[in-house]
Protein backbone atom coordinates (compact mmCIF):
# COMPACT_ATOMS: atom_id res chain seq x y z
CA MET A 1 -9.70 -40.80 35.43
CA GLY A 2 -7.04 -42.17 33.08
CA LYS A 3 -9.73 -43.88 30.98
CA ILE A 4 -11.63 -40.60 30.64
CA ASN A 5 -8.52 -38.71 29.46
CA LEU A 6 -7.79 -41.48 26.97
CA LEU A 7 -11.35 -41.30 25.67
CA ILE A 8 -11.09 -37.52 25.23
CA ALA A 9 -7.79 -37.89 23.38
CA LEU A 10 -9.30 -40.50 21.06
CA LEU A 11 -12.29 -38.26 20.38
CA LEU A 12 -10.05 -35.30 19.57
CA PHE A 13 -7.97 -37.43 17.24
CA SER A 14 -11.05 -38.73 15.47
CA VAL A 15 -12.42 -35.21 15.04
CA PHE A 16 -9.42 -33.33 13.73
CA GLY A 17 -6.46 -35.62 13.85
CA TYR A 18 -3.08 -35.74 15.49
CA GLY A 19 -0.79 -32.82 14.68
CA GLN A 20 -3.60 -30.35 14.13
CA ALA A 21 -5.22 -27.54 16.09
CA ARG A 22 -8.82 -26.48 15.69
CA ILE A 23 -10.06 -22.90 15.67
CA THR A 24 -13.74 -21.99 15.54
CA PHE A 25 -14.18 -18.52 14.05
CA HIS A 26 -17.22 -16.51 15.17
CA LEU A 27 -18.25 -13.27 13.48
CA ASP A 28 -20.96 -10.99 14.83
CA GLY A 29 -21.94 -7.37 14.24
CA LEU A 30 -23.33 -7.53 10.71
CA SER A 31 -26.69 -6.00 9.92
CA LYS A 32 -29.57 -8.46 10.11
CA ASP A 33 -30.57 -7.20 6.66
CA TYR A 34 -27.34 -8.46 5.09
CA LYS A 35 -28.21 -11.32 2.71
CA GLY A 36 -24.84 -12.08 1.12
CA LYS A 37 -22.13 -14.52 2.05
CA VAL A 38 -19.32 -13.97 4.57
CA GLY A 39 -15.85 -15.26 3.78
CA LEU A 40 -12.58 -15.70 5.64
CA ARG A 41 -9.10 -15.18 4.21
CA GLY A 42 -5.72 -15.50 5.88
CA SER A 43 -2.03 -16.30 5.97
CA VAL A 44 -1.92 -19.97 7.00
CA PRO A 45 -3.34 -22.86 4.90
CA PRO A 46 -6.04 -23.89 4.48
CA LEU A 47 -6.72 -20.15 4.53
CA ASP A 48 -5.46 -18.05 1.66
CA TRP A 49 -5.41 -14.31 0.88
CA SER A 50 -6.62 -14.80 -2.70
CA GLN A 51 -9.82 -16.78 -2.10
CA SER A 52 -12.40 -17.19 0.64
CA LEU A 53 -13.68 -19.97 2.84
CA VAL A 54 -17.37 -19.32 3.48
CA LEU A 55 -18.83 -19.07 6.99
CA GLU A 56 -22.25 -20.42 7.91
CA LYS A 57 -24.93 -18.30 9.51
CA ASN A 58 -26.56 -19.87 12.55
CA ASP A 59 -29.84 -19.25 14.34
CA LEU A 60 -28.28 -16.61 16.62
CA ASP A 61 -27.45 -14.35 13.65
CA TYR A 62 -23.71 -14.78 13.89
CA TYR A 63 -21.49 -16.56 11.40
CA SER A 64 -19.07 -19.38 12.16
CA LEU A 65 -16.49 -21.62 10.55
CA ILE A 66 -14.37 -24.44 12.00
CA ILE A 67 -10.87 -24.86 10.56
CA ASP A 68 -8.12 -27.35 11.41
CA PHE A 69 -4.59 -25.95 11.14
CA PRO A 70 -1.40 -27.99 10.80
CA GLU A 71 1.09 -28.35 13.60
CA GLY A 72 4.04 -25.95 13.57
CA GLU A 73 2.32 -22.67 12.75
CA GLN A 74 2.25 -19.98 15.44
CA GLU A 75 0.56 -16.69 14.53
CA LEU A 76 -2.28 -16.50 12.03
CA GLU A 77 -3.25 -13.28 10.26
CA PHE A 78 -6.76 -13.11 8.83
CA LYS A 79 -9.66 -10.92 7.76
CA PHE A 80 -13.34 -11.38 7.03
CA VAL A 81 -14.84 -10.35 3.71
CA LEU A 82 -18.36 -9.82 2.40
CA ILE A 83 -18.89 -11.76 -0.80
CA ASN A 84 -21.04 -10.92 -3.73
CA ASP A 85 -18.25 -11.60 -6.20
CA ASP A 86 -15.29 -13.44 -4.67
CA THR A 87 -12.92 -11.79 -7.15
CA ASN A 88 -13.87 -8.41 -5.74
CA PRO A 89 -14.93 -8.89 -2.09
CA ASN A 90 -15.64 -6.15 0.43
CA TRP A 91 -12.78 -6.31 2.92
CA GLU A 92 -12.87 -5.16 6.53
CA GLY A 93 -11.36 -1.69 6.78
CA ILE A 94 -9.07 -2.60 9.68
CA GLN A 95 -5.59 -4.01 10.06
CA ASN A 96 -5.14 -7.75 9.75
CA ARG A 97 -6.54 -9.70 12.67
CA THR A 98 -4.13 -12.03 14.45
CA PHE A 99 -4.62 -15.20 16.46
CA MET A 100 -2.14 -17.55 18.07
CA ILE A 101 -2.71 -21.06 16.75
CA PRO A 102 -2.81 -23.36 19.79
CA PRO A 103 -0.71 -26.50 20.22
CA SER A 104 -1.83 -29.55 18.26
CA GLY A 105 -4.84 -31.37 19.68
CA GLU A 106 -6.37 -28.22 21.21
CA SER A 107 -9.58 -26.50 20.19
CA VAL A 108 -10.22 -22.76 20.73
CA VAL A 109 -12.69 -20.08 19.66
CA SER A 110 -11.87 -16.75 18.00
CA LYS A 111 -14.70 -14.26 18.61
CA ASN A 112 -14.85 -11.23 16.32
CA GLN A 113 -17.01 -8.22 15.50
CA TRP A 114 -17.28 -7.20 11.86
CA ASN A 115 -14.95 -4.32 11.03
CA LYS A 116 -13.98 -3.83 14.69
CA GLU A 117 -10.33 -3.93 15.78
CA GLN A 118 -9.27 -6.60 18.24
CA VAL A 119 -8.68 -5.31 21.74
CA VAL A 120 -6.72 -7.08 24.46
CA ASP A 121 -7.45 -6.38 28.13
CA ILE A 122 -4.05 -4.92 28.95
CA THR A 123 -4.69 -5.12 32.70
CA SER A 124 -4.47 -8.90 32.32
CA LEU A 125 -1.01 -8.82 30.75
CA LYS A 126 1.89 -10.10 32.79
CA LYS A 127 5.32 -8.48 32.86
CA ILE A 128 7.89 -9.78 30.40
CA PRO A 129 10.67 -11.66 32.26
CA SER A 130 14.11 -10.07 32.05
CA ASN A 131 15.71 -13.17 30.52
CA LYS A 132 13.18 -12.99 27.66
CA LEU A 133 13.72 -9.25 27.23
CA LEU A 134 17.47 -9.82 26.96
CA GLU A 135 16.85 -12.31 24.17
CA ASP A 136 14.87 -9.60 22.39
CA TYR A 137 17.68 -7.15 23.10
CA ALA A 138 20.23 -9.39 21.34
CA LEU A 139 18.21 -9.10 18.12
CA ILE A 140 17.96 -5.32 18.43
CA GLU A 141 21.69 -5.00 19.03
CA LYS A 142 22.43 -7.12 15.96
CA MET A 143 20.20 -4.96 13.76
CA VAL A 144 21.64 -1.68 15.07
CA LEU A 145 25.31 -2.66 14.95
CA GLU A 146 25.37 -4.82 11.82
CA VAL A 147 22.38 -3.99 9.61
CA HIS A 148 21.03 -0.44 10.00
CA PRO A 149 22.62 1.74 7.28
CA GLY A 150 22.40 4.99 9.26
CA THR A 151 23.59 3.90 12.69
CA TYR A 152 26.57 6.28 12.55
CA ARG A 153 25.08 8.93 10.29
CA TYR A 154 24.40 11.27 13.22
CA ASN A 155 26.04 9.39 16.12
CA THR A 156 29.50 8.20 17.05
CA ARG A 157 30.09 4.54 17.84
CA GLU A 158 30.56 5.47 21.49
CA GLU A 159 27.17 7.20 21.58
CA ILE A 160 25.44 4.20 20.01
CA LEU A 161 27.13 1.73 22.36
CA ALA A 162 26.10 3.88 25.34
CA ALA A 163 22.47 3.92 24.14
CA LEU A 164 22.50 0.14 23.67
CA LYS A 165 24.04 -0.35 27.09
CA LYS A 166 21.24 1.73 28.60
CA LEU A 167 18.58 -0.37 26.85
CA LYS A 168 20.24 -3.59 28.00
CA LYS A 169 20.28 -2.33 31.57
CA THR A 170 16.59 -1.39 31.31
CA PHE A 171 15.85 -4.90 30.04
CA SER A 172 17.72 -6.47 32.98
CA ILE A 173 14.52 -6.41 35.04
CA SER A 174 11.01 -7.58 34.14
CA LEU A 175 8.97 -4.92 32.34
CA THR A 176 5.45 -4.33 31.15
CA HIS A 177 4.87 -4.22 27.41
CA GLN A 178 4.37 -0.46 27.75
CA GLU A 179 7.72 0.02 29.48
CA ALA A 180 9.50 -2.11 26.87
CA TYR A 181 7.87 -0.16 24.02
CA LEU A 182 9.04 3.16 25.48
CA ALA A 183 12.58 1.91 26.09
CA ILE A 184 12.87 0.68 22.50
CA SER A 185 11.39 3.94 21.18
CA LYS A 186 14.00 5.94 23.06
CA LEU A 187 16.77 3.87 21.46
CA THR A 188 15.40 4.04 17.92
CA ALA A 189 14.80 7.81 18.22
CA LYS A 190 18.51 8.12 19.03
CA LEU A 191 19.29 6.95 15.48
CA LYS A 192 17.57 10.07 14.12
CA CYS A 193 15.94 8.20 11.25
CA ASP A 194 12.32 8.76 10.26
CA HIS A 195 12.03 5.16 9.06
CA THR A 196 13.34 3.52 12.25
CA LYS A 197 10.95 3.13 15.15
CA ALA A 198 8.90 0.77 17.26
CA GLY A 199 6.30 0.68 14.53
CA PHE A 200 2.85 2.24 14.60
CA ASN A 201 1.71 -0.22 11.92
CA ASN A 202 2.40 -3.97 11.64
CA GLN A 203 2.27 -4.54 15.39
CA SER A 204 1.06 -7.64 17.19
CA LYS A 205 -2.45 -7.79 18.63
CA ILE A 206 -1.08 -7.09 22.13
CA ILE A 207 0.87 -3.98 21.13
CA ASN A 208 -1.91 -2.68 18.88
CA SER A 209 -4.31 -2.98 21.80
CA ILE A 210 -1.95 -1.00 24.02
CA ILE A 211 -0.99 1.83 21.68
CA HIS A 212 -4.06 2.22 19.44
CA TYR A 213 -7.28 0.83 20.88
CA GLN A 214 -7.51 2.09 24.45
CA LYS A 215 -9.82 4.91 25.49
CA ASP A 216 -6.83 7.04 26.46
CA LYS A 217 -6.73 9.62 23.63
CA LEU A 218 -7.41 13.31 24.10
CA PRO A 219 -10.90 14.20 22.79
CA PHE A 220 -9.69 16.98 20.51
CA THR A 221 -7.16 17.65 17.76
CA PHE A 222 -4.53 20.32 18.15
CA LYS A 223 -1.56 22.10 16.60
CA TRP A 224 1.60 23.48 18.18
CA ILE A 225 1.66 27.20 17.32
CA GLU A 226 4.10 29.60 19.00
CA ASN A 227 4.82 26.90 21.61
CA GLU A 228 1.14 26.71 22.50
CA MET A 229 -1.13 23.66 22.24
CA VAL A 230 -4.00 25.12 20.21
CA VAL A 231 -7.27 23.22 19.78
CA ASN A 232 -8.32 22.64 16.17
CA HIS A 233 -11.32 20.23 16.34
CA ASN A 234 -13.38 19.24 19.35
CA ALA A 235 -14.73 15.71 19.85
CA SER A 236 -15.66 16.17 23.51
CA GLU A 237 -18.98 17.18 25.01
CA ASN A 238 -17.46 20.33 26.49
CA MET A 239 -18.00 23.18 24.06
CA MET A 240 -15.33 25.32 25.75
CA LEU A 241 -12.79 23.33 23.71
CA GLN A 242 -13.57 25.49 20.71
CA ARG A 243 -11.13 26.10 17.88
CA GLY A 244 -8.35 28.41 19.07
CA THR A 245 -8.58 27.48 22.74
CA THR A 246 -5.10 26.94 24.18
CA VAL A 247 -4.44 24.09 26.58
CA LYS A 248 -1.94 25.13 29.24
CA ARG A 249 -1.69 22.05 31.46
CA ILE A 250 -2.92 18.46 31.36
CA ASN A 251 -3.38 16.83 34.76
CA GLY A 252 -1.29 19.60 36.29
CA ILE A 253 1.69 19.22 33.92
CA PRO A 254 2.58 22.14 31.60
CA VAL A 255 2.05 21.11 27.99
CA ASN A 256 5.52 22.22 26.92
CA LYS A 257 7.05 19.93 29.54
CA ILE A 258 4.96 17.11 28.05
CA LYS A 259 6.10 18.00 24.53
CA ASN A 260 9.77 18.17 25.49
CA GLU A 261 9.65 14.80 27.24
CA LEU A 262 7.95 13.12 24.30
CA MET A 263 10.41 14.61 21.78
CA SER A 264 13.06 12.08 22.85
CA LEU A 265 10.79 9.24 21.66
CA VAL A 266 9.92 10.53 18.19
CA ALA A 267 11.67 9.31 15.06
CA ALA A 268 12.81 11.98 12.58
CA ASP A 269 15.75 12.52 10.23
CA GLY A 270 18.72 14.33 11.70
CA ALA A 271 18.12 17.73 13.24
CA THR A 272 14.66 18.33 11.79
CA ASP A 273 12.96 19.07 15.11
CA GLY A 274 10.12 20.78 13.28
CA ASN A 275 9.11 17.35 12.02
CA ARG A 276 9.28 15.92 15.56
CA ILE A 277 6.98 18.69 16.80
CA TYR A 278 4.62 18.11 13.87
CA LYS A 279 4.35 14.44 14.84
CA LEU A 280 3.41 15.52 18.37
CA GLN A 281 0.29 17.18 17.02
CA VAL A 282 -2.99 15.31 16.66
CA ASP A 283 -4.93 15.54 13.40
CA GLY A 284 -7.46 12.85 14.36
CA TYR A 285 -7.62 11.26 10.91
CA ASP A 286 -8.85 7.68 11.04
CA PHE A 287 -6.24 6.61 8.47
CA ARG A 288 -3.13 8.01 10.20
CA TYR A 289 -1.41 7.44 13.50
CA ASN A 290 -0.03 10.36 15.52
CA ALA A 291 2.99 9.94 17.78
CA PHE A 292 1.35 12.02 20.52
CA ASP A 293 -1.62 9.64 20.68
CA ILE A 294 0.74 6.75 21.22
CA PHE A 295 3.38 8.14 23.56
CA TYR A 296 1.41 10.49 25.79
CA PRO A 297 -0.69 7.82 27.57
CA LEU A 298 2.39 5.61 28.00
CA VAL A 299 4.53 8.33 29.58
CA PHE A 300 1.71 10.05 31.48
CA PRO A 301 -0.80 7.27 32.29
CA ILE A 302 -4.44 8.32 32.38
CA GLU A 303 -6.65 7.27 35.28
CA ASN A 304 -10.38 6.60 35.03
CA ASN A 305 -10.47 7.70 31.37
CA GLU A 306 -10.49 11.36 32.32
CA VAL A 307 -8.10 14.31 32.24
CA GLU A 308 -8.10 17.74 33.86
CA LEU A 309 -7.28 20.54 31.44
CA ILE A 310 -6.28 24.09 32.25
CA ILE A 311 -7.43 26.06 29.23
CA GLN A 312 -7.67 29.61 27.98
CA GLU A 313 -10.43 30.38 25.53
CA PRO A 314 -9.47 32.58 22.55
CA THR A 315 -11.39 35.68 23.68
CA GLN A 316 -10.69 35.30 27.39
CA ASN A 317 -7.74 36.25 29.59
CA LEU A 318 -8.57 33.98 32.50
CA GLU A 319 -7.53 30.34 32.65
CA LYS A 320 -10.18 27.76 33.48
CA SER A 321 -10.11 24.20 34.72
CA ILE A 322 -12.28 21.60 33.01
CA ARG A 323 -12.46 17.81 33.10
CA VAL A 324 -13.11 15.82 29.95
CA ALA A 325 -13.40 12.12 29.21
CA THR A 326 -10.69 10.54 27.10
CA ILE A 327 -11.71 8.57 24.05
CA SER A 328 -10.60 5.90 21.59
CA ARG A 329 -9.09 6.86 18.23
CA GLU A 330 -11.97 5.25 16.39
CA ASP A 331 -14.70 7.02 18.35
CA ARG A 332 -12.92 10.37 18.09
CA ALA A 333 -12.66 10.05 14.31
CA LYS A 334 -16.35 9.16 14.01
CA ILE A 335 -17.40 12.18 16.07
CA LEU A 336 -15.12 14.53 14.11
CA GLU A 337 -16.37 13.20 10.78
CA ALA A 338 -19.96 13.79 11.92
CA ARG A 339 -19.35 17.25 13.41
CA TYR A 340 -17.13 18.69 10.68
CA PRO A 341 -18.42 18.10 7.12
CA LYS A 342 -15.01 18.75 5.52
CA PHE A 343 -13.08 16.50 7.91
CA PRO A 344 -11.18 13.87 5.81
CA LYS A 345 -12.63 10.38 6.03
CA SER A 346 -10.01 8.60 3.93
CA ARG A 347 -6.72 9.16 2.15
CA ASP A 348 -8.68 9.80 -1.04
CA ASP A 349 -10.04 12.97 0.59
CA MET A 350 -6.46 14.29 0.79
CA TRP A 351 -6.43 14.91 -2.98
CA SER A 352 -8.38 17.69 -4.67
CA PHE A 353 -8.20 20.09 -7.59
CA ASN A 354 -9.83 23.51 -7.72
CA ILE A 355 -9.65 26.35 -10.19
CA LEU A 356 -9.66 29.63 -8.23
CA ASN A 357 -9.93 31.88 -11.24
CA GLU A 358 -9.00 31.95 -14.92
CA ASP A 359 -5.30 32.17 -14.04
CA VAL A 360 -4.83 30.15 -10.81
CA ALA A 361 -5.52 26.51 -9.88
CA VAL A 362 -4.74 24.58 -6.69
CA LEU A 363 -3.78 20.91 -6.68
CA LYS A 364 -3.73 19.33 -3.21
CA LEU A 365 -1.72 16.12 -2.93
CA ASN A 366 -1.59 15.43 0.79
CA SER A 367 -0.92 11.71 0.63
CA PHE A 368 1.13 9.33 -1.50
CA GLY A 369 -0.23 6.36 0.44
CA LEU A 370 -0.96 3.88 -2.31
CA MET A 371 -0.20 0.72 -0.32
CA GLY A 372 -0.72 -0.68 3.15
CA TRP A 373 -3.26 0.07 5.83
CA LYS A 374 -6.26 2.12 4.64
CA ALA A 375 -4.52 2.91 1.36
CA MET A 376 -5.78 5.28 -1.30
CA THR A 377 -8.23 3.80 -3.79
CA LEU A 378 -8.20 6.84 -6.08
CA ASP A 379 -7.08 6.25 -9.68
CA TYR A 380 -4.25 8.73 -9.29
CA LYS A 381 -3.00 8.43 -12.87
CA LYS A 382 -6.40 9.30 -14.30
CA PHE A 383 -6.82 12.05 -11.70
CA LEU A 384 -3.52 13.74 -12.68
CA GLU A 385 -4.15 13.21 -16.39
CA ASP A 386 -7.49 15.02 -16.09
CA VAL A 387 -5.95 17.82 -14.00
CA PHE A 388 -3.19 18.65 -16.43
CA GLU A 389 -5.43 18.25 -19.46
CA GLU A 390 -7.75 20.87 -17.95
CA LEU A 391 -4.86 23.14 -17.01
CA ASN A 392 -3.53 23.06 -20.55
CA SER A 393 -6.87 23.28 -22.34
CA LYS A 394 -7.92 26.29 -20.25
CA LYS A 395 -4.44 27.81 -20.42
CA ILE A 396 -4.31 28.41 -16.67
CA GLY A 397 -1.00 30.14 -16.06
CA ASN A 398 -0.33 29.36 -12.38
CA LEU A 399 -0.51 26.05 -10.53
CA VAL A 400 -0.21 25.84 -6.74
CA ILE A 401 0.70 22.33 -5.55
CA ASP A 402 -0.07 21.81 -1.88
CA ILE A 403 1.75 18.92 -0.11
CA ARG A 404 1.71 20.42 3.39
CA GLU A 405 0.11 17.34 4.98
CA ASN A 406 1.93 14.78 2.86
CA ASN A 407 4.33 12.48 4.72
CA GLY A 408 5.35 10.18 1.91
CA GLY A 409 4.36 6.93 0.28
CA ASN A 410 4.90 5.29 -3.11
CA ASP A 411 7.50 6.57 -5.56
CA GLU A 412 5.38 6.02 -8.65
CA MET A 413 2.88 8.65 -7.51
CA ALA A 414 5.52 11.39 -7.36
CA ASP A 415 7.05 10.16 -10.63
CA GLU A 416 3.64 10.51 -12.26
CA LEU A 417 3.36 14.10 -11.00
CA PHE A 418 6.82 15.09 -12.21
CA GLY A 419 6.03 13.64 -15.63
CA TYR A 420 3.74 16.66 -16.07
CA LEU A 421 6.12 19.20 -14.50
CA ALA A 422 9.69 18.45 -15.61
CA GLU A 423 10.98 18.78 -19.17
CA SER A 424 14.25 16.95 -18.42
CA SER A 425 15.55 13.95 -16.51
CA ILE A 426 17.25 14.33 -13.13
CA LYS A 427 20.16 12.59 -11.47
CA PHE A 428 20.71 12.93 -7.73
CA ASP A 429 24.28 13.22 -6.46
CA ARG A 430 24.17 10.31 -4.04
CA VAL A 431 25.07 6.68 -3.44
CA GLY A 432 23.35 3.81 -1.67
CA ARG A 433 25.07 2.19 1.29
CA THR A 434 24.56 -0.83 3.49
CA ARG A 435 26.61 -2.15 6.38
CA TYR A 436 26.20 -5.81 5.50
CA VAL A 437 26.24 -8.18 2.54
CA ASN A 438 24.90 -11.34 4.15
CA PHE A 439 22.02 -10.77 6.54
CA PRO A 440 22.57 -12.20 10.07
CA GLU A 441 21.19 -15.73 10.13
CA GLU A 442 19.99 -15.53 13.74
CA VAL A 443 17.72 -12.57 12.92
CA LYS A 444 16.14 -13.96 9.72
CA PRO A 445 13.32 -15.88 11.46
CA PHE A 446 12.09 -12.67 13.07
CA VAL A 447 11.93 -10.28 10.08
CA GLN A 448 9.26 -9.77 7.47
CA SER A 449 8.68 -7.28 4.68
CA TRP A 450 6.61 -6.77 1.58
CA GLY A 451 7.30 -8.81 -1.54
CA ASP A 452 7.92 -12.53 -1.97
CA ASN A 453 11.62 -12.28 -2.83
CA PRO A 454 13.86 -11.53 0.20
CA TRP A 455 16.60 -10.00 -1.96
CA TYR A 456 17.86 -8.11 1.08
CA PHE A 457 19.26 -11.29 2.69
CA ASN A 458 22.15 -11.55 0.22
CA LEU A 459 23.32 -8.31 -1.37
CA LYS A 460 25.69 -7.68 -4.25
CA PRO A 461 27.39 -4.32 -3.82
CA LYS A 462 29.14 -2.48 -6.63
CA GLU A 463 32.09 -1.75 -4.34
CA ASP A 464 33.70 -3.60 -1.44
CA ARG A 465 33.52 -2.34 2.13
CA THR A 466 34.87 1.19 2.50
CA LYS A 467 37.13 2.31 5.31
CA GLU A 468 34.01 3.75 7.03
CA GLY A 469 32.48 0.26 7.03
CA TYR A 470 29.94 0.64 4.20
CA TYR A 471 29.18 -1.31 1.04
CA ILE A 472 28.30 0.85 -1.96
CA PHE A 473 25.30 0.30 -4.27
CA LYS A 474 24.71 2.40 -7.34
CA GLU A 475 21.54 1.02 -8.89
CA ASN A 476 18.51 3.22 -8.16
CA PHE A 477 20.82 5.79 -6.58
CA ASP A 478 23.12 7.22 -9.24
CA GLN A 479 20.77 6.50 -12.15
CA ALA A 480 18.87 9.32 -13.74
CA ILE A 481 15.12 9.52 -13.24
CA LYS A 482 13.98 9.80 -16.83
CA ARG A 483 11.17 12.04 -17.77
CA THR A 484 8.12 10.58 -19.46
CA ASP A 485 6.52 11.47 -22.77
CA LYS A 486 3.71 13.38 -21.10
CA ARG A 487 2.81 16.89 -22.18
CA VAL A 488 4.57 19.18 -19.72
CA TYR A 489 2.65 21.99 -18.04
CA MET A 490 4.21 25.25 -19.24
CA GLY A 491 2.72 27.62 -16.67
CA LYS A 492 4.34 28.73 -13.43
CA SER A 493 4.33 26.25 -10.51
CA TYR A 494 4.45 26.80 -6.76
CA LEU A 495 4.95 24.13 -4.11
CA LEU A 496 3.61 24.59 -0.57
CA THR A 497 5.65 22.68 2.03
CA SER A 498 5.70 22.04 5.77
CA ALA A 499 7.48 20.09 8.50
CA ALA A 500 5.17 17.16 7.73
CA ASN A 501 7.06 16.39 4.53
CA THR A 502 9.18 13.28 5.11
CA SER A 503 10.24 10.33 2.95
CA LEU A 504 8.78 10.69 -0.57
CA ALA A 505 7.22 14.06 0.30
CA PHE A 506 10.70 15.29 1.25
CA TYR A 507 12.07 14.00 -2.06
CA THR A 508 9.22 15.74 -3.86
CA ALA A 509 10.23 19.09 -2.37
CA TYR A 510 13.92 18.35 -2.94
CA ARG A 511 13.41 17.45 -6.60
CA PHE A 512 11.08 20.39 -7.24
CA LYS A 513 13.74 22.77 -5.93
CA LYS A 514 16.72 21.04 -7.57
CA GLN A 515 15.08 21.07 -11.00
CA LYS A 516 14.00 24.68 -10.48
CA LEU A 517 10.41 23.91 -11.37
CA GLY A 518 9.06 26.86 -9.42
CA LEU A 519 9.03 28.51 -6.02
CA LEU A 520 8.76 26.66 -2.69
CA ILE A 521 6.70 28.46 -0.05
CA GLY A 522 6.11 27.38 3.54
CA GLN A 523 8.23 25.78 6.24
CA GLU A 524 11.33 23.60 6.28
CA THR A 525 10.48 20.01 5.42
CA GLY A 526 11.33 16.88 7.34
CA GLY A 527 13.76 14.44 5.77
CA ASN A 528 17.36 15.56 5.39
CA LEU A 529 19.55 17.07 2.68
CA ASN A 530 22.24 14.51 3.58
CA ASP A 531 19.70 11.93 2.31
CA ILE A 532 17.67 9.39 4.24
CA ASN A 533 17.36 5.70 5.01
CA GLY A 534 14.32 4.32 3.24
CA GLY A 535 13.13 2.15 0.41
CA GLN A 536 12.87 -1.45 1.62
CA ILE A 537 11.88 -1.58 5.30
CA LEU A 538 12.22 -4.74 7.41
CA PHE A 539 9.78 -5.43 10.21
CA LEU A 540 11.60 -7.04 13.14
CA ARG A 541 9.06 -8.79 15.39
CA LEU A 542 10.64 -9.41 18.78
CA PRO A 543 9.57 -12.89 19.89
CA HIS A 544 8.94 -12.23 23.58
CA SER A 545 7.75 -8.63 23.90
CA GLN A 546 5.86 -8.97 20.57
CA ILE A 547 7.03 -5.45 19.66
CA GLU A 548 7.70 -4.80 15.98
CA ILE A 549 10.52 -2.43 14.97
CA ASP A 550 10.89 -0.85 11.52
CA PHE A 551 14.45 -1.10 10.20
CA PRO A 552 15.56 0.21 6.76
CA VAL A 553 17.87 -1.97 4.69
CA MET A 554 19.72 0.64 2.67
CA GLY A 555 20.55 4.30 3.10
CA GLY A 556 20.97 7.04 0.55
CA PHE A 557 23.99 9.24 1.20
CA SER A 558 24.75 12.55 -0.48
CA ASN A 559 28.15 12.67 -2.15
CA GLN A 560 28.56 16.23 -0.93
CA LYS A 561 28.32 17.38 2.68
CA GLN A 562 24.98 19.12 3.14
CA PRO A 563 23.39 21.13 5.94
CA ASN A 564 21.71 18.98 8.60
CA SER A 565 18.25 20.14 7.62
CA GLY A 566 15.27 19.48 5.44
CA VAL A 567 14.51 21.40 2.25
CA ILE A 568 14.40 25.13 2.99
CA PRO A 569 11.66 26.93 1.02
CA ASP A 570 12.49 29.90 -1.17
CA ILE A 571 9.99 31.90 0.87
CA GLN A 572 9.46 30.89 4.50
CA THR A 573 6.30 31.55 6.44
CA LYS A 574 5.54 31.19 10.13
CA ASN A 575 2.02 30.68 11.39
CA THR A 576 0.85 32.52 14.47
CA ILE A 577 -2.07 32.06 16.81
CA GLN A 578 -3.63 35.22 15.38
CA SER A 579 -3.38 33.92 11.80
CA PHE A 580 -4.86 30.60 12.98
CA LEU A 581 -7.77 32.33 14.71
CA GLY A 582 -8.36 34.40 11.62
CA ASN A 583 -8.46 31.27 9.44
CA ARG A 584 -5.66 32.75 7.38
CA ASP A 585 -3.65 30.51 5.07
CA LEU A 586 -0.33 32.38 5.06
CA GLU A 587 1.31 30.16 2.45
CA MET A 588 -1.57 30.54 0.03
CA GLU A 589 -1.82 34.27 0.72
CA LYS A 590 1.87 34.73 -0.06
CA THR A 591 1.59 32.64 -3.21
CA LEU A 592 -1.38 34.62 -4.53
CA GLU A 593 0.44 37.83 -3.67
CA LEU A 594 3.43 36.69 -5.75
CA ILE A 595 1.19 35.67 -8.64
CA GLY A 596 -0.54 39.04 -8.55
CA SER A 597 2.75 40.93 -8.61
CA ARG A 598 4.13 39.09 -11.65
């Protein structure tokens, strides 16, 4: 037996050498009519994100490639591409695939379907031992107490220590990945920061499989209106779930009890509960994650991929009981896109420009998502240039800017917009703060972020630590945002807002109001007038639970005490079930009424 093992070892060494691991990549699911090449790109050499290694097609119509990886690497990220021109390949429209590189001398196979997310069988997952969870906890505690800029923005030290103590106690026994994810979410929600959460993006394969890829999503989209769960789009086979149907109970539990329990898990800035409720709606867009989709199945586990709903149809007084099959996010989006011609298929669909009449135009900017997962591909600069050229050439006197579904993104997109709206520069009355200068060494191996330069590891504040425990930074905080040399639109502007508006969308509403560029109409935004923690976000990947947590590096703080709220519109509207059933757009109606009266 010893001779056989020795022979195997010698063969392995001769094939791919000592200190290496071999992975055979299989790719299936492409059309048999596809005649081009298939490439592989990734994060660990010999793979690279900038050029492809080409797979071979075999007799069984799938593609394969064998790669030897050096010893010492752990997790590989990769994607397949279709190649006609390697400088402009067709990438898979999914998040990066991941694979654990095995120990040296081992050979494994990675089986994949083109453009299909990886799914782990979560029933096969073992509980995470308590000693491993406590090691993860130590990293969380370090980030909360020493790094997070807003730890004490809305909480006392005693409240934070109590929340950490509760998490540590929860981690003192072995937990499932689901239980650990919920416990961490409850802690991060306590910080009341929209940018701090057990992330919906950037998760490991295991966590993605749990929170995104199971068939445990409700087969309809809905809004919370007057404390009712009101169906908007139906992806089920039961036609009683028509638009306007209210769902009263799910599996016997009143929907408001469900909403209230999930609220404690949702990240939002300060006291902006309207934003928390918004996040507990489901829009069903393929390119966005909804907190309800993630938390509901974890808190109220679904059995046999089916739920019982107690519903009330819009024209009926009686409540009815129906059973519907739950569904995956991907399948729900495909059904909705097929059933509803105007249903958005990408972030690009969130932008539009329409001239209503010779005096009114509507510009919808419902995403600033220029980077990351399923990012916009629209040439936004050319789009805005054409819009304002047409507005000026046709002398259209009123512009309605609709950001009601915008939840933030990249600063340069808003800056480009304001280049056409603002005649002057603006300076916000705020400072930047951190609670560290030198990043904790023990946490460094477990954080990642965008960009190649980890400037956030060693900071250079403008002022030493204050008595409140902060370091002060002025660059990008007390500097004026200079206007551009663009031709400014001289008509009247109106901005439509909602509770969806966080991060850059919040700043857009805040700046619009501060510079008095026009009237704001709608609902209170998310974000917070006391400023928010944002900008550079670190992704803390816990080594044992494999849960990733978003942590901001630096916080903006208003120099003046402000109300604990988002931006309050000049004219507030409140949607009702009756206005929803009547397909009325109250914000647009009010805006057109104002335009007509001027």
